[in-house]
Amino acid sequence: MSASVDQNRFPPRVTLLEVGPRDGFQFEQAVIPTELKLEMVQGLIAAGLKNIQVTSFVNPRKVPQMADAEELVRRLPKGAGVCFSGLVLNRIGLERAIRSGLGAVEISVSASDSHSRRNTGMPLAVAVAQGQELVRMAAREGLQVRASVQCAFGCVQEGLVPEERVHDILAAFKAAGAHSLALADTTGMATPTTVKRLLRWVLPTTGGVPLALHLHDTRGLGLVNLMAGLECGLTQFDTAFAGLGGCPFVEGAAGNIATEDTLYLLAALGVATGVDGAAVARCSRRLATFLGKTFAGKLYRLAL
């Protein structure tokens, strides 16, 4: 008798937020032209992705790849039925996002004091207080606001992060008016055990506010951790086409879980997404050809 997967363990449908154009591109040293970024976004839309993080409003001297944020937003397709979002880390970034006309932002702080200081130049307590104010400000401006916690599953410098600290940051964001929340495994240190343990801590607090997982594959457990999230009832996950990405401020950081690989797994589990993996793979191969490199994702290399 062949083994079978109990599909009743998993939600029937999940939503993917494609972060390749932001989290992925920012990790690349070679500057990707705005025209090619737009081509990639168009291809991802054609593949059926309805949520795409397109840029970050950060200091262009620190992240040159994102220097065209306003120009990119200005040229995004209108009326595509897609939620385009951008990452902001401080008030200046949020003001830029508001002026750009973008309708959704992600406001993110790190649960690690060491990482927070390297990533934003702020200690943890200051970053969390500022994050709450940014959430309130963005909501007042009518933007859709997602608030996320980086290094939620561990920090290279500090080790495991206390679950209570992550819980309290999420609770603060929810109280400030965030429309959705996310836990980011920035360092790729999560395991299925720590994913389930942290979700047991935080899910009772999030209430009706959607919670997503942003998983990196640094230690090869990204998709296993996604399954742990599915088993806990989560229905929102971040992915990056071709497995692009990484954090410039984390040594040895690897990319996000690949959109194509995630789609293959979800299809095998009977979980619907509405996204065409073959169309996503065409975007991945186009970018790989332009950059002359092979990315971490597996499925995009096949003739899907």
C-alpha atoms as a PDB file:
ATOM      1  CA  MET A   1       0.000   0.000   0.000  1.00  0.00           C
ATOM      2  CA  SER A   2       1.439   3.384  -0.952  1.00  0.00           C
ATOM      3  CA  ALA A   3       1.733   6.151   1.612  1.00  0.00           C
ATOM      4  CA  SER A   4      -0.469   9.208   1.201  1.00  0.00           C
ATOM      5  CA  VAL A   5      -0.506  12.728   2.569  1.00  0.00           C
ATOM      6  CA  ASP A   6      -3.413  13.647   4.846  1.00  0.00           C
ATOM      7  CA  GLN A   7      -4.539  16.756   2.983  1.00  0.00           C
ATOM      8  CA  ASN A   8      -7.031  17.593   5.716  1.00  0.00           C
ATOM      9  CA  ARG A   9      -4.061  18.806   7.769  1.00  0.00           C
ATOM     10  CA  PHE A  10      -3.620  21.785   5.455  1.00  0.00           C
ATOM     11  CA  PRO A  11      -5.710  24.798   4.417  1.00  0.00           C
ATOM     12  CA  PRO A  12      -7.380  24.320   1.011  1.00  0.00           C
ATOM     13  CA  ARG A  13      -5.929  27.572  -0.358  1.00  0.00           C
ATOM     14  CA  VAL A  14      -3.101  29.945   0.517  1.00  0.00           C
ATOM     15  CA  THR A  15      -1.971  33.403  -0.611  1.00  0.00           C
ATOM     16  CA  LEU A  16       1.610  34.042  -1.688  1.00  0.00           C
ATOM     17  CA  LEU A  17       3.264  37.443  -1.407  1.00  0.00           C
ATOM     18  CA  GLU A  18       6.009  37.636  -4.042  1.00  0.00           C
ATOM     19  CA  VAL A  19       8.981  39.493  -2.530  1.00  0.00           C
ATOM     20  CA  GLY A  20      11.571  38.847  -5.247  1.00  0.00           C
ATOM     21  CA  PRO A  21      11.443  42.357  -6.735  1.00  0.00           C
ATOM     22  CA  ARG A  22      12.281  43.782  -3.306  1.00  0.00           C
ATOM     23  CA  ASP A  23      13.995  41.258  -1.062  1.00  0.00           C
ATOM     24  CA  GLY A  24      15.558  39.500  -4.020  1.00  0.00           C
ATOM     25  CA  PHE A  25      16.793  42.419  -6.071  1.00  0.00           C
ATOM     26  CA  GLN A  26      18.259  44.255  -3.072  1.00  0.00           C
ATOM     27  CA  PHE A  27      20.688  41.367  -2.524  1.00  0.00           C
ATOM     28  CA  GLU A  28      22.112  41.534  -6.048  1.00  0.00           C
ATOM     29  CA  GLN A  29      25.314  43.514  -6.602  1.00  0.00           C
ATOM     30  CA  ALA A  30      24.747  44.168 -10.305  1.00  0.00           C
ATOM     31  CA  VAL A  31      22.253  46.996 -10.816  1.00  0.00           C
ATOM     32  CA  ILE A  32      19.032  45.730 -12.387  1.00  0.00           C
ATOM     33  CA  PRO A  33      17.581  48.351 -14.754  1.00  0.00           C
ATOM     34  CA  THR A  34      14.152  49.727 -13.981  1.00  0.00           C
ATOM     35  CA  GLU A  35      12.917  48.436 -17.336  1.00  0.00           C
ATOM     36  CA  LEU A  36      13.864  44.874 -16.413  1.00  0.00           C
ATOM     37  CA  LYS A  37      12.313  45.227 -12.976  1.00  0.00           C
ATOM     38  CA  LEU A  38       9.065  46.266 -14.642  1.00  0.00           C
ATOM     39  CA  GLU A  39       9.325  43.338 -17.061  1.00  0.00           C
ATOM     40  CA  MET A  40       9.707  40.957 -14.102  1.00  0.00           C
ATOM     41  CA  VAL A  41       6.719  42.473 -12.313  1.00  0.00           C
ATOM     42  CA  GLN A  42       4.600  42.166 -15.456  1.00  0.00           C
ATOM     43  CA  GLY A  43       5.625  38.524 -15.813  1.00  0.00           C
ATOM     44  CA  LEU A  44       4.743  37.787 -12.185  1.00  0.00           C
ATOM     45  CA  ILE A  45       1.344  39.405 -12.661  1.00  0.00           C
ATOM     46  CA  ALA A  46       0.786  37.270 -15.762  1.00  0.00           C
ATOM     47  CA  ALA A  47       1.619  34.211 -13.655  1.00  0.00           C
ATOM     48  CA  GLY A  48      -1.316  35.022 -11.372  1.00  0.00           C
ATOM     49  CA  LEU A  49       0.395  36.619  -8.391  1.00  0.00           C
ATOM     50  CA  LYS A  50      -1.888  39.174  -6.759  1.00  0.00           C
ATOM     51  CA  ASN A  51       0.464  40.457  -4.041  1.00  0.00           C
ATOM     52  CA  ILE A  52       3.907  41.717  -5.048  1.00  0.00           C
ATOM     53  CA  GLN A  53       6.411  43.650  -2.953  1.00  0.00           C
ATOM     54  CA  VAL A  54       8.106  45.790  -5.559  1.00  0.00           C
ATOM     55  CA  THR A  55      10.657  47.933  -3.741  1.00  0.00           C
ATOM     56  CA  SER A  56      11.913  49.374  -0.481  1.00  0.00           C
ATOM     57  CA  PHE A  57      12.178  53.028   0.449  1.00  0.00           C
ATOM     58  CA  VAL A  58      15.605  52.925   2.043  1.00  0.00           C
ATOM     59  CA  ASN A  59      18.793  54.945   1.872  1.00  0.00           C
ATOM     60  CA  PRO A  60      20.049  54.512  -1.716  1.00  0.00           C
ATOM     61  CA  ARG A  61      23.637  54.872  -0.521  1.00  0.00           C
ATOM     62  CA  LYS A  62      23.214  51.736   1.588  1.00  0.00           C
ATOM     63  CA  VAL A  63      21.013  49.820  -0.878  1.00  0.00           C
ATOM     64  CA  PRO A  64      21.742  51.223  -4.370  1.00  0.00           C
ATOM     65  CA  GLN A  65      19.478  48.642  -6.000  1.00  0.00           C
ATOM     66  CA  MET A  66      16.443  50.435  -4.562  1.00  0.00           C
ATOM     67  CA  ALA A  67      17.422  53.939  -5.715  1.00  0.00           C
ATOM     68  CA  ASP A  68      14.694  53.889  -8.407  1.00  0.00           C
ATOM     69  CA  ALA A  69      11.833  53.226  -5.969  1.00  0.00           C
ATOM     70  CA  GLU A  70       9.723  56.238  -6.926  1.00  0.00           C
ATOM     71  CA  GLU A  71      10.317  55.791 -10.655  1.00  0.00           C
ATOM     72  CA  LEU A  72       9.392  52.110 -10.457  1.00  0.00           C
ATOM     73  CA  VAL A  73       6.175  52.815  -8.551  1.00  0.00           C
ATOM     74  CA  ARG A  74       5.219  55.552 -10.994  1.00  0.00           C
ATOM     75  CA  ARG A  75       5.477  53.095 -13.879  1.00  0.00           C
ATOM     76  CA  LEU A  76       3.670  50.143 -12.324  1.00  0.00           C
ATOM     77  CA  PRO A  77       0.654  48.934 -14.325  1.00  0.00           C
ATOM     78  CA  LYS A  78      -2.615  50.466 -13.231  1.00  0.00           C
ATOM     79  CA  GLY A  79      -5.814  48.493 -12.824  1.00  0.00           C
ATOM     80  CA  ALA A  80      -4.027  45.147 -12.724  1.00  0.00           C
ATOM     81  CA  GLY A  81      -5.960  43.950  -9.677  1.00  0.00           C
ATOM     82  CA  VAL A  82      -2.677  43.501  -7.820  1.00  0.00           C
ATOM     83  CA  CYS A  83      -1.646  44.795  -4.404  1.00  0.00           C
ATOM     84  CA  PHE A  84       1.792  46.378  -4.828  1.00  0.00           C
ATOM     85  CA  SER A  85       3.676  47.103  -1.613  1.00  0.00           C
ATOM     86  CA  GLY A  86       6.966  48.561  -0.482  1.00  0.00           C
ATOM     87  CA  LEU A  87       9.124  48.120   2.601  1.00  0.00           C
ATOM     88  CA  VAL A  88       9.813  51.085   4.878  1.00  0.00           C
ATOM     89  CA  LEU A  89      12.107  51.163   7.910  1.00  0.00           C
ATOM     90  CA  ASN A  90      11.824  54.761   9.111  1.00  0.00           C
ATOM     91  CA  ARG A  91       9.775  57.949   8.831  1.00  0.00           C
ATOM     92  CA  ILE A  92      11.680  59.251   5.818  1.00  0.00           C
ATOM     93  CA  GLY A  93      10.994  56.006   3.975  1.00  0.00           C
ATOM     94  CA  LEU A  94       7.303  56.132   4.838  1.00  0.00           C
ATOM     95  CA  GLU A  95       7.009  59.728   3.681  1.00  0.00           C
ATOM     96  CA  ARG A  96       8.613  58.736   0.377  1.00  0.00           C
ATOM     97  CA  ALA A  97       6.203  55.818   0.005  1.00  0.00           C
ATOM     98  CA  ILE A  98       3.204  58.062   0.673  1.00  0.00           C
ATOM     99  CA  ARG A  99       4.361  60.625  -1.889  1.00  0.00           C
ATOM    100  CA  SER A 100       4.936  57.884  -4.466  1.00  0.00           C
ATOM    101  CA  GLY A 101       1.245  56.941  -4.406  1.00  0.00           C
ATOM    102  CA  LEU A 102       1.863  53.330  -3.412  1.00  0.00           C
ATOM    103  CA  GLY A 103      -1.188  51.875  -1.700  1.00  0.00           C
ATOM    104  CA  ALA A 104       0.444  49.417   0.704  1.00  0.00           C
ATOM    105  CA  VAL A 105       3.554  49.321   2.872  1.00  0.00           C
ATOM    106  CA  GLU A 106       5.337  46.897   5.132  1.00  0.00           C
ATOM    107  CA  ILE A 107       6.803  48.329   8.321  1.00  0.00           C
ATOM    108  CA  SER A 108       9.424  46.075   9.809  1.00  0.00           C
ATOM    109  CA  VAL A 109      11.520  45.935  12.969  1.00  0.00           C
ATOM    110  CA  SER A 110      13.946  43.334  14.232  1.00  0.00           C
ATOM    111  CA  ALA A 111      13.428  41.326  17.406  1.00  0.00           C
ATOM    112  CA  SER A 112      17.231  41.304  17.752  1.00  0.00           C
ATOM    113  CA  ASP A 113      18.909  44.382  19.183  1.00  0.00           C
ATOM    114  CA  SER A 114      22.161  43.559  17.364  1.00  0.00           C
ATOM    115  CA  HIS A 115      20.452  43.129  13.997  1.00  0.00           C
ATOM    116  CA  SER A 116      18.299  46.214  14.546  1.00  0.00           C
ATOM    117  CA  ARG A 117      21.375  48.370  15.116  1.00  0.00           C
ATOM    118  CA  ARG A 118      23.045  47.017  11.965  1.00  0.00           C
ATOM    119  CA  ASN A 119      19.937  47.156   9.800  1.00  0.00           C
ATOM    120  CA  THR A 120      18.463  50.497  10.868  1.00  0.00           C
ATOM    121  CA  GLY A 121      20.986  52.090  13.214  1.00  0.00           C
ATOM    122  CA  MET A 122      18.474  51.943  16.072  1.00  0.00           C
ATOM    123  CA  PRO A 123      18.388  49.900  19.292  1.00  0.00           C
ATOM    124  CA  LEU A 124      15.469  47.513  19.624  1.00  0.00           C
ATOM    125  CA  ALA A 125      13.326  49.603  21.988  1.00  0.00           C
ATOM    126  CA  VAL A 126      13.634  52.720  19.831  1.00  0.00           C
ATOM    127  CA  ALA A 127      12.880  50.767  16.659  1.00  0.00           C
ATOM    128  CA  VAL A 128       9.725  49.210  18.118  1.00  0.00           C
ATOM    129  CA  ALA A 129       8.420  52.571  19.366  1.00  0.00           C
ATOM    130  CA  GLN A 130       9.104  54.144  15.983  1.00  0.00           C
ATOM    131  CA  GLY A 131       7.502  51.155  14.236  1.00  0.00           C
ATOM    132  CA  GLN A 132       4.279  51.667  16.156  1.00  0.00           C
ATOM    133  CA  GLU A 133       4.181  55.333  15.178  1.00  0.00           C
ATOM    134  CA  LEU A 134       4.861  54.462  11.531  1.00  0.00           C
ATOM    135  CA  VAL A 135       1.974  51.976  11.552  1.00  0.00           C
ATOM    136  CA  ARG A 136      -0.359  54.625  12.953  1.00  0.00           C
ATOM    137  CA  MET A 137       0.866  57.221  10.451  1.00  0.00           C
ATOM    138  CA  ALA A 138       0.506  54.904   7.446  1.00  0.00           C
ATOM    139  CA  ALA A 139      -2.981  53.820   8.528  1.00  0.00           C
ATOM    140  CA  ARG A 140      -4.044  57.461   8.921  1.00  0.00           C
ATOM    141  CA  GLU A 141      -2.883  58.081   5.341  1.00  0.00           C
ATOM    142  CA  GLY A 142      -5.162  55.289   4.126  1.00  0.00           C
ATOM    143  CA  LEU A 143      -2.426  52.795   3.274  1.00  0.00           C
ATOM    144  CA  GLN A 144      -2.754  49.063   3.802  1.00  0.00           C
ATOM    145  CA  VAL A 145      -0.197  48.282   6.489  1.00  0.00           C
ATOM    146  CA  ARG A 146       1.613  45.034   7.152  1.00  0.00           C
ATOM    147  CA  ALA A 147       3.893  44.993  10.202  1.00  0.00           C
ATOM    148  CA  SER A 148       6.601  42.365  10.433  1.00  0.00           C
ATOM    149  CA  VAL A 149       9.148  41.140  12.947  1.00  0.00           C
ATOM    150  CA  GLN A 150      12.585  40.297  11.561  1.00  0.00           C
ATOM    151  CA  CYS A 151      14.845  37.683  13.218  1.00  0.00           C
ATOM    152  CA  ALA A 152      11.736  36.243  14.875  1.00  0.00           C
ATOM    153  CA  PHE A 153      13.306  32.784  15.014  1.00  0.00           C
ATOM    154  CA  GLY A 154      16.845  33.712  15.958  1.00  0.00           C
ATOM    155  CA  CYS A 155      19.789  36.018  15.442  1.00  0.00           C
ATOM    156  CA  VAL A 156      23.308  35.118  14.332  1.00  0.00           C
ATOM    157  CA  GLN A 157      24.775  37.339  17.049  1.00  0.00           C
ATOM    158  CA  GLU A 158      22.269  36.738  19.857  1.00  0.00           C
ATOM    159  CA  GLY A 159      21.019  33.205  19.233  1.00  0.00           C
ATOM    160  CA  LEU A 160      17.398  32.330  19.911  1.00  0.00           C
ATOM    161  CA  VAL A 161      15.066  35.268  20.454  1.00  0.00           C
ATOM    162  CA  PRO A 162      12.618  34.936  23.383  1.00  0.00           C
ATOM    163  CA  GLU A 163       9.107  34.101  22.178  1.00  0.00           C
ATOM    164  CA  GLU A 164       7.686  36.626  24.631  1.00  0.00           C
ATOM    165  CA  ARG A 165       9.635  39.439  22.947  1.00  0.00           C
ATOM    166  CA  VAL A 166       8.257  38.543  19.507  1.00  0.00           C
ATOM    167  CA  HIS A 167       4.771  38.223  20.984  1.00  0.00           C
ATOM    168  CA  ASP A 168       4.989  41.679  22.552  1.00  0.00           C
ATOM    169  CA  ILE A 169       6.187  43.330  19.331  1.00  0.00           C
ATOM    170  CA  LEU A 170       3.340  41.788  17.349  1.00  0.00           C
ATOM    171  CA  ALA A 171       0.864  42.850  20.014  1.00  0.00           C
ATOM    172  CA  ALA A 172       2.197  46.410  19.845  1.00  0.00           C
ATOM    173  CA  PHE A 173       1.828  46.466  16.069  1.00  0.00           C
ATOM    174  CA  LYS A 174      -1.699  45.118  16.263  1.00  0.00           C
ATOM    175  CA  ALA A 175      -2.646  47.734  18.831  1.00  0.00           C
ATOM    176  CA  ALA A 176      -1.201  50.434  16.556  1.00  0.00           C
ATOM    177  CA  GLY A 177      -3.605  49.403  13.789  1.00  0.00           C
ATOM    178  CA  ALA A 178      -1.665  47.080  11.478  1.00  0.00           C
ATOM    179  CA  HIS A 179      -3.956  45.366   8.967  1.00  0.00           C
ATOM    180  CA  SER A 180      -1.748  42.251   8.811  1.00  0.00           C
ATOM    181  CA  LEU A 181       1.323  40.844  10.551  1.00  0.00           C
ATOM    182  CA  ALA A 182       4.320  38.719   9.598  1.00  0.00           C
ATOM    183  CA  LEU A 183       7.104  36.726  11.216  1.00  0.00           C
ATOM    184  CA  ALA A 184      10.389  36.769   9.307  1.00  0.00           C
ATOM    185  CA  ASP A 185      13.056  34.089   9.616  1.00  0.00           C
ATOM    186  CA  THR A 186      15.691  36.576   8.480  1.00  0.00           C
ATOM    187  CA  THR A 187      18.651  34.406   9.434  1.00  0.00           C
ATOM    188  CA  GLY A 188      17.158  31.092   8.322  1.00  0.00           C
ATOM    189  CA  MET A 189      17.510  29.651  11.837  1.00  0.00           C
ATOM    190  CA  ALA A 190      13.921  28.408  12.183  1.00  0.00           C
ATOM    191  CA  THR A 191      13.023  24.737  12.493  1.00  0.00           C
ATOM    192  CA  PRO A 192       9.566  23.126  12.410  1.00  0.00           C
ATOM    193  CA  THR A 193       9.722  22.866  16.200  1.00  0.00           C
ATOM    194  CA  THR A 194      10.507  26.548  16.743  1.00  0.00           C
ATOM    195  CA  VAL A 195       7.951  27.598  14.122  1.00  0.00           C
ATOM    196  CA  LYS A 196       5.172  25.699  15.863  1.00  0.00           C
ATOM    197  CA  ARG A 197       6.289  26.829  19.315  1.00  0.00           C
ATOM    198  CA  LEU A 198       6.348  30.513  18.359  1.00  0.00           C
ATOM    199  CA  LEU A 199       3.007  30.269  16.557  1.00  0.00           C
ATOM    200  CA  ARG A 200       1.465  28.781  19.696  1.00  0.00           C
ATOM    201  CA  TRP A 201       2.694  31.873  21.526  1.00  0.00           C
ATOM    202  CA  VAL A 202       1.510  34.510  19.089  1.00  0.00           C
ATOM    203  CA  LEU A 203      -1.611  33.234  17.316  1.00  0.00           C
ATOM    204  CA  PRO A 204      -3.923  33.807  20.301  1.00  0.00           C
ATOM    205  CA  THR A 205      -2.800  37.454  20.294  1.00  0.00           C
ATOM    206  CA  THR A 206      -3.207  38.153  16.584  1.00  0.00           C
ATOM    207  CA  GLY A 207      -6.934  37.404  16.735  1.00  0.00           C
ATOM    208  CA  GLY A 208      -8.555  38.261  13.414  1.00  0.00           C
ATOM    209  CA  VAL A 209      -5.428  39.950  12.016  1.00  0.00           C
ATOM    210  CA  PRO A 210      -3.843  37.765   9.294  1.00  0.00           C
ATOM    211  CA  LEU A 211      -0.358  36.434  10.075  1.00  0.00           C
ATOM    212  CA  ALA A 212       2.199  35.483   7.404  1.00  0.00           C
ATOM    213  CA  LEU A 213       5.532  33.664   7.444  1.00  0.00           C
ATOM    214  CA  HIS A 214       8.563  35.057   5.620  1.00  0.00           C
ATOM    215  CA  LEU A 215      10.995  32.153   5.386  1.00  0.00           C
ATOM    216  CA  HIS A 216      14.618  32.021   4.265  1.00  0.00           C
ATOM    217  CA  ASP A 217      16.327  28.813   3.234  1.00  0.00           C
ATOM    218  CA  THR A 218      19.798  29.422   4.677  1.00  0.00           C
ATOM    219  CA  ARG A 219      19.885  26.042   6.417  1.00  0.00           C
ATOM    220  CA  GLY A 220      17.713  24.165   3.939  1.00  0.00           C
ATOM    221  CA  LEU A 221      14.574  24.008   6.074  1.00  0.00           C
ATOM    222  CA  GLY A 222      12.485  26.692   4.397  1.00  0.00           C
ATOM    223  CA  LEU A 223       9.832  24.449   2.852  1.00  0.00           C
ATOM    224  CA  VAL A 224       9.714  22.168   5.893  1.00  0.00           C
ATOM    225  CA  ASN A 225       9.045  25.243   7.998  1.00  0.00           C
ATOM    226  CA  LEU A 226       6.310  26.277   5.569  1.00  0.00           C
ATOM    227  CA  MET A 227       4.629  22.917   6.151  1.00  0.00           C
ATOM    228  CA  ALA A 228       4.816  23.545   9.897  1.00  0.00           C
ATOM    229  CA  GLY A 229       3.057  26.854   9.314  1.00  0.00           C
ATOM    230  CA  LEU A 230       0.403  25.163   7.196  1.00  0.00           C
ATOM    231  CA  GLU A 231      -0.213  22.629   9.950  1.00  0.00           C
ATOM    232  CA  CYS A 232      -0.809  25.536  12.337  1.00  0.00           C
ATOM    233  CA  GLY A 233      -3.430  26.948   9.963  1.00  0.00           C
ATOM    234  CA  LEU A 234      -1.479  29.801   8.356  1.00  0.00           C
ATOM    235  CA  THR A 235      -2.591  30.770   4.861  1.00  0.00           C
ATOM    236  CA  GLN A 236      -0.161  33.555   3.928  1.00  0.00           C
ATOM    237  CA  PHE A 237       3.481  33.065   2.963  1.00  0.00           C
ATOM    238  CA  ASP A 238       6.210  35.166   1.374  1.00  0.00           C
ATOM    239  CA  THR A 239       8.193  33.677  -1.512  1.00  0.00           C
ATOM    240  CA  ALA A 240      10.702  34.931  -4.069  1.00  0.00           C
ATOM    241  CA  PHE A 241      10.945  33.725  -7.644  1.00  0.00           C
ATOM    242  CA  ALA A 242      14.067  31.579  -8.234  1.00  0.00           C
ATOM    243  CA  GLY A 243      14.810  31.682  -4.491  1.00  0.00           C
ATOM    244  CA  LEU A 244      16.196  35.214  -4.698  1.00  0.00           C
ATOM    245  CA  GLY A 245      17.059  37.228  -1.663  1.00  0.00           C
ATOM    246  CA  GLY A 246      18.902  37.493   1.600  1.00  0.00           C
ATOM    247  CA  CYS A 247      19.663  40.187   4.129  1.00  0.00           C
ATOM    248  CA  PRO A 248      22.699  42.392   3.421  1.00  0.00           C
ATOM    249  CA  PHE A 249      23.223  42.712   7.176  1.00  0.00           C
ATOM    250  CA  VAL A 250      23.278  38.966   7.989  1.00  0.00           C
ATOM    251  CA  GLU A 251      26.462  37.019   7.307  1.00  0.00           C
ATOM    252  CA  GLY A 252      25.881  33.993   5.080  1.00  0.00           C
ATOM    253  CA  ALA A 253      22.237  34.842   4.469  1.00  0.00           C
ATOM    254  CA  ALA A 254      20.565  32.793   1.755  1.00  0.00           C
ATOM    255  CA  GLY A 255      17.483  33.525  -0.281  1.00  0.00           C
ATOM    256  CA  ASN A 256      13.803  33.216   0.406  1.00  0.00           C
ATOM    257  CA  ILE A 257      11.943  30.022  -0.309  1.00  0.00           C
ATOM    258  CA  ALA A 258      11.555  29.886  -4.085  1.00  0.00           C
ATOM    259  CA  THR A 259       8.116  30.646  -5.463  1.00  0.00           C
ATOM    260  CA  GLU A 260       8.321  27.800  -7.990  1.00  0.00           C
ATOM    261  CA  ASP A 261       9.464  25.267  -5.379  1.00  0.00           C
ATOM    262  CA  THR A 262       6.727  26.386  -3.008  1.00  0.00           C
ATOM    263  CA  LEU A 263       4.091  26.049  -5.727  1.00  0.00           C
ATOM    264  CA  TYR A 264       5.260  22.505  -6.499  1.00  0.00           C
ATOM    265  CA  LEU A 265       5.024  21.516  -2.826  1.00  0.00           C
ATOM    266  CA  LEU A 266       1.624  23.126  -2.337  1.00  0.00           C
ATOM    267  CA  ALA A 267       0.239  21.436  -5.445  1.00  0.00           C
ATOM    268  CA  ALA A 268       1.464  18.076  -4.113  1.00  0.00           C
ATOM    269  CA  LEU A 269      -0.364  18.783  -0.850  1.00  0.00           C
ATOM    270  CA  GLY A 270      -3.576  19.730  -2.646  1.00  0.00           C
ATOM    271  CA  VAL A 271      -3.309  23.388  -1.604  1.00  0.00           C
ATOM    272  CA  ALA A 272      -4.482  25.882  -4.238  1.00  0.00           C
ATOM    273  CA  THR A 273      -2.733  29.188  -5.007  1.00  0.00           C
ATOM    274  CA  GLY A 274      -4.008  30.333  -8.412  1.00  0.00           C
ATOM    275  CA  VAL A 275      -0.401  30.870  -9.560  1.00  0.00           C
ATOM    276  CA  ASP A 276       1.209  29.344 -12.669  1.00  0.00           C
ATOM    277  CA  GLY A 277       4.632  27.989 -11.713  1.00  0.00           C
ATOM    278  CA  ALA A 278       5.805  27.691 -15.322  1.00  0.00           C
ATOM    279  CA  ALA A 279       5.119  31.390 -15.904  1.00  0.00           C
ATOM    280  CA  VAL A 280       7.025  32.302 -12.746  1.00  0.00           C
ATOM    281  CA  ALA A 281       9.932  30.137 -13.894  1.00  0.00           C
ATOM    282  CA  ARG A 282      10.151  32.068 -17.152  1.00  0.00           C
ATOM    283  CA  CYS A 283      10.767  35.241 -15.136  1.00  0.00           C
ATOM    284  CA  SER A 284      13.445  33.456 -13.126  1.00  0.00           C
ATOM    285  CA  ARG A 285      15.266  32.203 -16.191  1.00  0.00           C
ATOM    286  CA  ARG A 286      15.099  35.653 -17.800  1.00  0.00           C
ATOM    287  CA  LEU A 287      16.739  37.237 -14.763  1.00  0.00           C
ATOM    288  CA  ALA A 288      19.299  34.434 -14.460  1.00  0.00           C
ATOM    289  CA  THR A 289      20.293  35.019 -18.071  1.00  0.00           C
ATOM    290  CA  PHE A 290      20.615  38.761 -17.542  1.00  0.00           C
ATOM    291  CA  LEU A 291      22.758  38.380 -14.413  1.00  0.00           C
ATOM    292  CA  GLY A 292      24.680  35.376 -15.747  1.00  0.00           C
ATOM    293  CA  LYS A 293      24.190  33.324 -12.604  1.00  0.00           C
ATOM    294  CA  THR A 294      22.288  30.398 -11.152  1.00  0.00           C
ATOM    295  CA  PHE A 295      19.943  31.024  -8.248  1.00  0.00           C
ATOM    296  CA  ALA A 296      19.166  28.829  -5.256  1.00  0.00           C
ATOM    297  CA  GLY A 297      15.719  27.710  -6.413  1.00  0.00           C
ATOM    298  CA  LYS A 298      15.370  24.247  -7.921  1.00  0.00           C
ATOM    299  CA  LEU A 299      12.231  24.084 -10.062  1.00  0.00           C
ATOM    300  CA  TYR A 300      12.826  27.192 -12.188  1.00  0.00           C
ATOM    301  CA  ARG A 301      15.714  25.397 -13.916  1.00  0.00           C
ATOM    302  CA  LEU A 302      13.419  22.699 -15.240  1.00  0.00           C
ATOM    303  CA  ALA A 303      11.270  23.064 -18.341  1.00  0.00           C
ATOM    304  CA  LEU A 304       8.045  23.394 -16.369  1.00  0.00           C
END
